[in-house]
Protein backbone atom coordinates (compact mmCIF):
# COMPACT_ATOMS: atom_id res chain seq x y z
CA MET A 1 22.57 -13.64 31.06
CA LYS A 2 19.74 -15.56 33.07
CA GLN A 3 19.90 -17.54 29.73
CA LEU A 4 24.22 -18.08 30.26
CA GLU A 5 23.72 -19.21 33.84
CA LYS A 6 21.48 -21.61 32.65
CA VAL A 7 23.17 -23.39 29.51
CA LEU A 8 26.42 -23.13 31.75
CA ALA A 9 24.77 -24.49 34.57
CA ALA A 10 23.31 -27.04 32.64
CA ILE A 11 26.93 -27.75 31.34
CA PHE A 12 28.95 -27.77 34.64
CA GLY A 13 26.25 -29.08 36.72
CA LYS A 14 26.79 -32.34 36.08
CA LEU A 15 30.76 -32.17 37.79
CA PRO A 16 31.26 -32.79 41.50
CA ASP A 17 31.42 -29.78 44.30
CA LEU A 18 34.32 -28.59 45.24
CA PRO A 19 34.81 -29.97 48.70
CA ALA A 20 33.30 -27.13 51.50
CA ASN A 21 36.50 -25.98 53.08
CA ILE A 22 38.28 -25.60 49.71
CA ARG A 23 34.74 -23.47 48.43
CA GLY A 24 34.82 -21.61 52.54
CA ALA A 25 37.86 -20.62 51.53
CA LEU A 26 37.17 -19.54 48.23
CA VAL A 27 34.57 -17.63 49.99
CA LYS A 28 36.27 -16.42 52.67
CA LEU A 29 39.69 -15.06 50.41
CA ALA A 30 37.87 -13.57 47.31
CA PRO A 31 37.37 -9.60 48.20
CA TYR A 32 40.67 -9.69 49.38
CA PHE A 33 41.34 -11.35 45.73
CA ALA A 34 39.32 -8.70 44.67
CA ILE A 35 40.43 -5.63 45.87
CA VAL A 36 44.86 -6.49 45.20
CA GLY A 37 43.02 -6.94 41.57
CA CYS A 38 41.61 -3.31 41.75
CA ILE A 39 44.75 -2.18 43.72
CA LEU A 40 46.91 -4.04 40.66
CA SER A 41 45.30 -2.14 38.15
CA LEU A 42 45.29 0.65 38.57
CA PRO A 43 48.68 1.38 37.87
CA VAL A 44 47.69 -0.44 34.68
CA ILE A 45 44.95 2.09 33.54
CA LEU A 46 47.38 5.23 34.60
CA THR A 47 50.16 3.93 32.40
CA LEU A 48 47.83 3.02 29.58
CA ALA A 49 45.90 6.13 29.80
CA GLY A 50 49.05 8.62 30.11
CA LEU A 51 50.99 6.01 27.10
CA GLY A 52 48.58 6.01 24.92
CA ALA A 53 47.83 9.84 25.31
CA ILE A 54 51.54 10.29 24.20
CA ALA A 55 52.50 7.89 22.14
CA SER A 56 49.02 7.70 20.63
CA PRO A 57 50.06 10.02 17.43
CA ILE A 58 53.42 8.67 17.01
CA VAL A 59 52.09 5.32 16.47
CA THR A 60 49.76 6.19 14.01
CA LEU A 61 51.64 8.48 12.49
CA GLY A 62 54.34 5.02 11.88
CA GLY A 63 51.19 3.31 10.12
CA ALA A 64 50.82 1.02 12.89
CA TRP A 65 46.58 2.05 13.72
CA ALA A 66 45.89 -0.99 15.33
CA ALA A 67 48.54 -0.90 18.06
CA SER A 68 46.75 2.59 19.10
CA GLY A 69 43.33 1.02 18.61
CA SER A 70 44.61 -1.88 20.54
CA SER A 71 45.49 0.54 23.65
CA ALA A 72 42.56 2.55 24.06
CA LEU A 73 40.75 -0.68 23.75
CA ALA A 74 42.81 -2.46 26.93
CA LEU A 75 42.15 1.03 28.70
CA ILE A 76 38.57 0.96 28.37
CA PHE A 77 38.60 -2.69 29.45
CA ALA A 78 40.82 -2.68 32.27
CA ILE A 79 38.20 0.57 33.12
CA ILE A 80 35.88 -1.87 33.36
CA SER A 81 37.56 -4.80 35.28
CA VAL A 82 38.06 -2.02 37.85
CA VAL A 83 34.77 -0.96 37.88
CA LEU A 84 33.42 -4.57 38.47
CA LEU A 85 35.59 -5.94 41.07
CA GLY A 86 34.72 -1.96 42.98
CA LEU A 87 31.45 -3.39 42.50
CA SER A 88 31.85 -6.95 43.80
CA ILE A 89 33.90 -5.70 47.23
CA SER A 90 31.32 -5.43 49.05
CA GLY A 91 28.82 -8.15 47.80
CA LEU A 92 31.79 -10.40 48.72
CA PHE A 93 32.26 -9.23 52.07
CA ALA A 94 28.85 -9.92 52.75
CA GLY A 95 29.02 -13.22 51.11
CA ARG A 96 26.21 -12.33 49.05
CA GLU A 97 25.23 -13.45 45.17
CA GLU A 98 25.82 -9.84 43.73
CA GLY A 99 29.77 -9.97 44.63
CA TRP A 100 29.72 -13.11 42.63
CA ARG A 101 27.36 -12.26 39.76
CA TYR A 102 29.96 -8.94 39.28
CA LEU A 103 32.89 -11.00 39.24
CA PHE A 104 30.98 -13.39 36.97
CA TYR A 105 30.54 -10.43 34.56
CA ASN A 106 34.60 -9.37 35.00
CA SER A 107 35.26 -12.54 33.49
CA ILE A 108 32.69 -12.18 30.91
CA ALA A 109 34.37 -8.84 29.95
CA GLY A 110 37.55 -10.37 30.16
CA GLY A 111 36.25 -13.02 27.43
CA VAL A 112 35.14 -10.16 25.10
CA TYR A 113 38.36 -8.82 25.50
CA ALA A 114 40.70 -11.54 24.78
CA ILE A 115 38.43 -12.50 21.55
CA LEU A 116 38.24 -8.29 20.55
CA ASN A 117 41.93 -8.54 20.73
CA ALA A 118 42.86 -11.47 19.58
CA ASP A 119 45.25 -11.55 16.06
CA PRO A 120 43.77 -14.19 13.70
CA LEU A 121 47.20 -14.85 11.80
CA GLU A 122 48.52 -15.68 15.35
CA ALA A 123 45.64 -18.12 15.31
CA GLN A 124 46.16 -19.50 12.32
CA ASP A 125 49.80 -20.21 12.52
CA LEU A 126 48.55 -21.79 15.94
CA ILE A 127 46.72 -24.04 14.67
CA GLU A 128 48.83 -24.83 11.88
CA HIS A 129 51.62 -25.62 14.27
CA ILE A 130 48.91 -28.64 15.94
C-alpha cells in the first residue's frame, strides 16, 4: 500500500490543495458519513444474505450462474465495506490517519468490486457507442 500511496502522491501532489475551510468540514463530517454508510449498508447485507440464500438455487436451475455468483460477490464486498467503515469511525473522530487509511482501503475494495462485477460485453457496447 505504501508504494501505491507514493504513486498516487506523485500523480495528485501537483494538484492544488483544497481550501482550509472545506478540508475542516470534511474532517468534521467524515465520521458521520461513515456511520451513515454503515447503517445504510446493514439492510443491504441482510437483503443480499436472505434473498441470495433463497433465490440462489432457483436462479442456478434457470441457468443464470453468473447472477447467483454476482449476489454472493456483492454480499462479500458489502460486508468488507461495512467492516472497513466501522474500523474507520474511531480514527476519524480522533482525527488520526488510521481512520482515513481505512476509508482509502474501502475505496480500493469498491474499485475491485466494480472491476470484478463489470460485464465485458456492456463495456464493449459502451466503447462502440462513443
